[in-house]
Protein backbone atom coordinates (compact mmCIF):
# COMPACT_ATOMS: atom_id res chain seq x y z
CA MET A 1 -62.29 25.85 -18.47
CA ASP A 2 -60.87 29.06 -19.93
CA LYS A 3 -57.58 29.12 -21.80
CA PRO A 4 -55.46 30.96 -19.14
CA GLN A 5 -56.53 28.48 -16.50
CA ALA A 6 -55.61 25.55 -18.81
CA ASN A 7 -52.18 27.02 -19.49
CA LEU A 8 -51.67 27.49 -15.76
CA ASN A 9 -52.55 23.87 -15.09
CA LEU A 10 -50.12 22.74 -17.79
CA GLU A 11 -47.37 24.83 -16.28
CA ASP A 12 -48.10 23.38 -12.83
CA GLN A 13 -48.00 19.86 -14.24
CA SER A 14 -44.73 20.61 -16.04
CA THR A 15 -43.20 22.07 -12.88
CA THR A 16 -44.36 19.11 -10.82
CA ARG A 17 -42.96 16.68 -13.42
CA GLN A 18 -39.60 18.50 -13.45
CA LYS A 19 -39.40 18.41 -9.66
CA ARG A 20 -40.28 14.74 -9.68
CA ASN A 21 -37.57 14.07 -12.30
CA LYS A 22 -35.01 16.02 -10.30
CA HIS A 23 -35.86 14.06 -7.18
CA PHE A 24 -35.63 10.82 -9.11
CA ILE A 25 -32.25 11.78 -10.60
CA ILE A 26 -30.91 12.81 -7.19
CA CYS A 27 -32.15 9.59 -5.58
CA SER A 28 -30.70 7.53 -8.43
CA ALA A 29 -27.34 9.28 -8.11
CA ILE A 30 -27.30 8.67 -4.35
CA PHE A 31 -28.31 5.04 -4.82
CA PHE A 32 -25.65 4.29 -7.43
CA THR A 33 -23.01 6.14 -5.40
CA LEU A 34 -23.82 4.05 -2.35
CA LEU A 35 -23.84 0.93 -4.50
CA ILE A 36 -20.39 1.73 -5.89
CA CYS A 37 -19.05 2.38 -2.38
CA ALA A 38 -20.51 -0.92 -1.17
CA ILE A 39 -18.98 -2.86 -4.07
CA ILE A 40 -15.56 -1.25 -3.53
CA SER A 41 -15.80 -2.08 0.17
CA VAL A 42 -16.61 -5.71 -0.62
CA PHE A 43 -13.73 -5.89 -3.09
CA THR A 44 -11.37 -4.42 -0.49
CA VAL A 45 -12.44 -6.92 2.16
CA LEU A 46 -12.08 -9.80 -0.30
CA LYS A 47 -8.64 -8.54 -1.32
CA HIS A 48 -7.39 -8.40 2.26
CA GLN A 49 -8.85 -11.82 3.03
CA THR A 50 -7.34 -13.39 -0.08
CA GLU A 51 -3.94 -11.82 0.60
CA SER A 52 -3.98 -13.10 4.18
CA GLU A 53 -4.74 -16.64 2.97
CA SER A 54 -2.01 -16.56 0.31
CA LEU A 55 1.45 -17.97 0.93
CA SER A 56 2.84 -14.62 -0.18
CA ALA A 57 1.73 -13.16 3.15
CA ASN A 58 3.32 -15.99 5.14
CA PRO A 59 7.03 -16.29 4.23
CA THR A 60 7.68 -19.16 6.65
CA ALA A 61 4.86 -21.28 5.23
CA ALA A 62 5.91 -20.33 1.71
CA ILE A 63 9.46 -21.56 2.29
CA ARG A 64 8.27 -24.82 3.84
CA SER A 65 5.99 -25.43 0.87
CA ALA A 66 8.58 -24.53 -1.77
CA CYS A 67 11.27 -26.73 -0.20
CA HIS A 68 9.19 -29.83 -0.91
CA VAL A 69 10.49 -29.73 -4.51
CA THR A 70 14.13 -30.09 -3.37
CA LEU A 71 16.13 -33.24 -2.69
CA ASP A 72 17.01 -32.23 0.87
CA TYR A 73 13.94 -30.69 2.49
CA SER A 74 15.36 -30.13 5.96
CA SER A 75 18.51 -28.35 4.80
CA CYS A 76 16.43 -26.22 2.42
CA VAL A 77 13.99 -25.11 5.11
CA GLU A 78 16.67 -24.51 7.74
CA SER A 79 18.95 -22.50 5.44
CA LEU A 80 16.21 -20.39 3.86
CA LEU A 81 14.52 -19.59 7.15
CA SER A 82 17.89 -18.60 8.57
CA SER A 83 18.50 -16.37 5.56
CA LEU A 84 14.99 -14.96 5.86
CA ASP A 85 15.67 -13.88 9.44
CA ASN A 86 18.38 -11.58 8.14
CA HIS A 87 15.95 -9.74 5.85
CA SER A 88 12.66 -7.97 6.44
CA HIS A 89 10.08 -9.87 4.40
CA THR A 90 6.37 -9.30 4.92
CA ILE A 91 5.46 -10.39 1.39
CA ILE A 92 7.34 -13.09 -0.49
CA HIS A 93 7.04 -14.47 -4.02
CA ALA A 94 8.33 -17.48 -5.93
CA SER A 95 11.24 -15.48 -7.35
CA ASP A 96 12.21 -14.45 -3.80
CA ILE A 97 12.38 -18.11 -2.77
CA LEU A 98 14.76 -18.81 -5.66
CA ARG A 99 16.86 -15.75 -4.90
CA LEU A 100 17.19 -16.70 -1.23
CA SER A 101 18.19 -20.24 -2.17
CA VAL A 102 20.87 -19.08 -4.61
CA ALA A 103 22.14 -16.60 -2.02
CA VAL A 104 22.48 -19.41 0.53
CA GLY A 105 24.47 -21.53 -1.92
CA LEU A 106 26.65 -18.55 -2.78
CA ARG A 107 27.34 -17.78 0.88
CA GLU A 108 28.37 -21.37 1.60
CA SER A 109 30.54 -21.51 -1.54
CA ARG A 110 32.30 -18.33 -0.46
CA THR A 111 32.92 -19.89 2.93
CA VAL A 112 34.52 -22.90 1.23
CA ALA A 113 36.63 -20.61 -0.95
CA THR A 114 37.86 -18.79 2.17
CA LEU A 115 38.73 -22.09 3.86
CA PHE A 116 40.77 -23.12 0.81
CA GLN A 117 42.63 -19.81 0.89
CA GLU A 118 43.47 -20.35 4.57
CA LEU A 119 44.59 -23.91 3.85
CA ALA A 120 46.77 -22.75 0.96
CA SER A 121 48.30 -20.10 3.20
CA LYS A 122 49.17 -22.69 5.87
CA ILE A 123 50.74 -24.97 3.29
CA GLY A 124 52.74 -22.05 1.88
CA ASN A 125 54.07 -21.14 5.32
CA LYS A 126 55.44 -24.68 5.70
CA ASN A 127 57.20 -24.45 2.32
CA ILE A 128 55.32 -27.52 1.15
CA LYS A 129 54.18 -27.82 -2.46
CA LYS A 130 50.43 -27.39 -2.63
CA PRO A 131 48.78 -30.62 -3.85
CA ASP A 132 47.17 -30.48 -7.28
CA SER A 133 43.87 -31.65 -5.79
CA ILE A 134 43.67 -28.53 -3.61
CA THR A 135 44.53 -26.29 -6.57
CA GLY A 136 41.85 -28.01 -8.64
CA CYS A 137 39.23 -27.61 -5.93
CA GLN A 138 40.08 -23.96 -5.45
CA LYS A 139 39.50 -23.30 -9.15
CA LEU A 140 36.20 -25.18 -9.16
CA ILE A 141 34.88 -23.38 -6.09
CA ALA A 142 36.03 -20.01 -7.40
CA ASP A 143 34.17 -20.65 -10.66
CA SER A 144 31.08 -21.69 -8.68
CA VAL A 145 31.15 -18.41 -6.79
CA ASP A 146 31.36 -16.54 -10.11
CA GLN A 147 28.45 -18.53 -11.59
CA LEU A 148 26.23 -17.99 -8.55
CA ASN A 149 27.04 -14.28 -8.47
CA GLY A 150 25.98 -14.11 -12.10
CA SER A 151 22.82 -16.07 -11.32
CA LEU A 152 21.80 -13.64 -8.59
CA ALA A 153 22.38 -10.71 -10.92
CA MET A 154 20.17 -12.32 -13.58
CA ILE A 155 17.38 -13.07 -11.11
CA ALA A 156 17.41 -9.46 -9.94
CA ALA A 157 17.32 -8.13 -13.52
CA VAL A 158 14.28 -10.03 -14.88
CA ASP A 159 10.75 -10.85 -13.79
CA LEU A 160 9.42 -14.33 -13.05
CA ASP A 161 8.60 -15.07 -16.69
CA GLY A 162 12.14 -14.07 -17.63
CA ILE A 163 13.52 -16.45 -15.02
CA LEU A 164 11.37 -19.31 -16.27
CA GLY A 165 12.51 -18.78 -19.85
CA SER A 166 16.22 -18.36 -19.16
CA ASN A 167 18.37 -21.30 -20.21
CA GLU A 168 21.45 -19.22 -19.43
CA LEU A 169 20.43 -18.91 -15.78
CA ARG A 170 19.93 -22.65 -15.43
CA GLY A 171 23.26 -23.25 -17.17
CA LYS A 172 25.09 -21.08 -14.65
CA MET A 173 23.46 -22.75 -11.67
CA VAL A 174 24.01 -26.29 -12.96
CA ARG A 175 27.64 -25.46 -13.70
CA ALA A 176 28.07 -24.15 -10.15
CA ALA A 177 26.51 -27.31 -8.71
CA ASN A 178 28.67 -29.57 -10.88
CA ASN A 179 31.80 -27.68 -9.85
CA VAL A 180 31.11 -28.15 -6.14
CA GLU A 181 30.17 -31.79 -6.67
CA GLY A 182 33.32 -32.36 -8.70
CA CYS A 183 35.41 -30.87 -5.92
CA TYR A 184 33.75 -33.01 -3.26
CA TYR A 185 33.84 -36.35 -5.05
CA GLY A 186 36.90 -35.92 -7.20
CA GLU A 187 39.59 -33.76 -5.66
CA ALA A 188 38.89 -33.02 -2.00
CA ASP A 189 40.52 -36.07 -0.42
CA GLU A 190 43.46 -34.11 0.95
CA VAL A 191 41.65 -31.08 2.39
CA GLY A 192 40.59 -32.60 5.70
CA PRO A 193 37.16 -33.47 7.13
CA THR A 194 36.16 -29.93 8.12
CA ILE A 195 36.45 -28.50 4.63
CA ARG A 196 34.90 -31.63 3.09
CA VAL A 197 31.81 -31.16 5.25
CA ARG A 198 31.47 -27.55 4.12
CA ILE A 199 31.96 -28.54 0.48
CA ARG A 200 29.21 -31.12 0.84
CA GLN A 201 26.94 -28.54 2.46
CA ALA A 202 27.59 -26.09 -0.37
CA GLU A 203 26.76 -28.79 -2.91
CA ILE A 204 23.43 -29.54 -1.20
CA TYR A 205 22.48 -25.87 -1.08
CA VAL A 206 23.30 -25.28 -4.74
CA ARG A 207 21.47 -28.45 -5.78
CA ASN A 208 18.46 -27.23 -3.83
CA SER A 209 18.58 -24.01 -5.83
CA VAL A 210 18.65 -25.91 -9.12
CA ALA A 211 15.68 -28.02 -7.98
CA ILE A 212 13.69 -24.89 -7.09
CA LEU A 213 14.51 -23.35 -10.46
CA ASP A 214 13.48 -26.52 -12.31
CA SER A 215 10.18 -26.60 -10.37
CA LEU A 216 9.56 -22.86 -10.38
CA ASP A 217 6.24 -23.28 -12.21
CA GLU A 218 5.09 -25.63 -9.46
CA VAL A 219 6.36 -23.29 -6.76
CA LYS A 220 4.54 -20.39 -8.43
CA GLU A 221 1.26 -22.33 -8.33
CA MET A 222 1.68 -22.77 -4.57
CA PHE A 223 1.31 -19.00 -4.21
CA ASP A 224 -2.05 -18.91 -5.98
CA PRO A 225 -5.12 -18.47 -3.75
CA SER A 226 -6.65 -21.65 -2.43
CA VAL A 227 -10.06 -20.88 -3.90
CA GLY A 228 -8.49 -20.91 -7.35
CA SER A 229 -10.98 -18.45 -8.79
CA VAL A 230 -10.49 -15.61 -11.24
CA LEU A 231 -11.74 -13.18 -8.61
CA ALA A 232 -9.21 -14.40 -6.05
CA SER A 233 -6.40 -14.12 -8.59
CA LEU A 234 -7.54 -10.58 -9.28
CA MET A 235 -7.43 -9.77 -5.58
CA LEU A 236 -3.72 -10.67 -5.47
CA ASP A 237 -2.80 -8.58 -8.53
CA ARG A 238 -2.56 -5.02 -7.23
CA GLU A 239 -2.31 -3.34 -10.65
CA ASN A 240 -5.19 -5.24 -12.25
CA TYR A 241 -7.25 -4.82 -9.10
CA VAL A 242 -6.98 -1.03 -9.20
CA ILE A 243 -7.71 -0.94 -12.95
CA THR A 244 -10.75 -3.19 -12.59
CA VAL A 245 -12.23 -1.19 -9.73
CA ALA A 246 -11.64 2.06 -11.65
CA LEU A 247 -13.34 0.67 -14.77
CA PHE A 248 -16.22 -0.61 -12.67
CA CYS A 249 -16.79 2.82 -11.12
CA THR A 250 -16.52 4.50 -14.52
CA GLN A 251 -19.16 2.19 -15.97
CA TYR A 252 -21.59 3.07 -13.20
CA LEU A 253 -20.95 6.79 -13.60
CA VAL A 254 -21.64 6.47 -17.32
CA LEU A 255 -24.82 4.57 -16.47
CA ILE A 256 -25.97 7.43 -14.23
CA PHE A 257 -25.21 9.95 -16.97
CA LEU A 258 -27.19 7.94 -19.55
CA LEU A 259 -30.10 7.58 -17.14
CA CYS A 260 -30.20 11.31 -16.56
CA SER A 261 -30.02 11.99 -20.30
CA VAL A 262 -32.87 9.59 -21.02
CA LEU A 263 -35.07 11.19 -18.37
CA ARG A 264 -34.43 14.67 -19.73
CA VAL A 265 -35.29 13.62 -23.29
CA PHE A 266 -38.30 11.35 -22.80
CA VAL A 267 -39.85 12.51 -19.54
């Protein structure tokens, strides 16, 4: 075989090899792209399924589960569901349960404070000296309202870990509960049955809030996915989910780049 013909054959082989490599690279790129799309689709389906099975996506079930840690389950469920109806909640978390409970206790305590003001006004119109027991109860209830207002502000200002680690928050809520209890058992004999019933109701609501706070770790665990896997936990964490999927795609793109580089160098 003469030399020009040999060179021509080598050039043909080189051209054929380059075309084959290009086709391989293109097919590899298409394959890995489809693979990435399939994996993202699976992750998305798993995320939606996990979210739908979580208590976070079912506020009513979440409240019923969380209220099991309280001393008065029925009043907890009834009051929180009633409060939930006044707000638009599609997703709910453990901190939301606590906030709703404190808000219920605060609302009832304010109602009691208003009833005491009306009672004091009636007594004043009759020019009768207001009994010390009523004055004492008014002060206790007013302080409870202040403590619960402060509690709500603290819950709104920190995340769940901050709530769990806050002794000040628990101190405010326990003080509010003790104030209402002290009014009911110690100084409310002269206020009449209607106000006594509302005081008792306020005490139950605030005690429920304290119980939820004390068991917040347990309540938090109720919101974890039933499968209890790392993948399911990832599905419920929006920020980590996005980061993980982005890193996964980046790794595959780097893999494609390395594959192309290796083929260009060694083939």
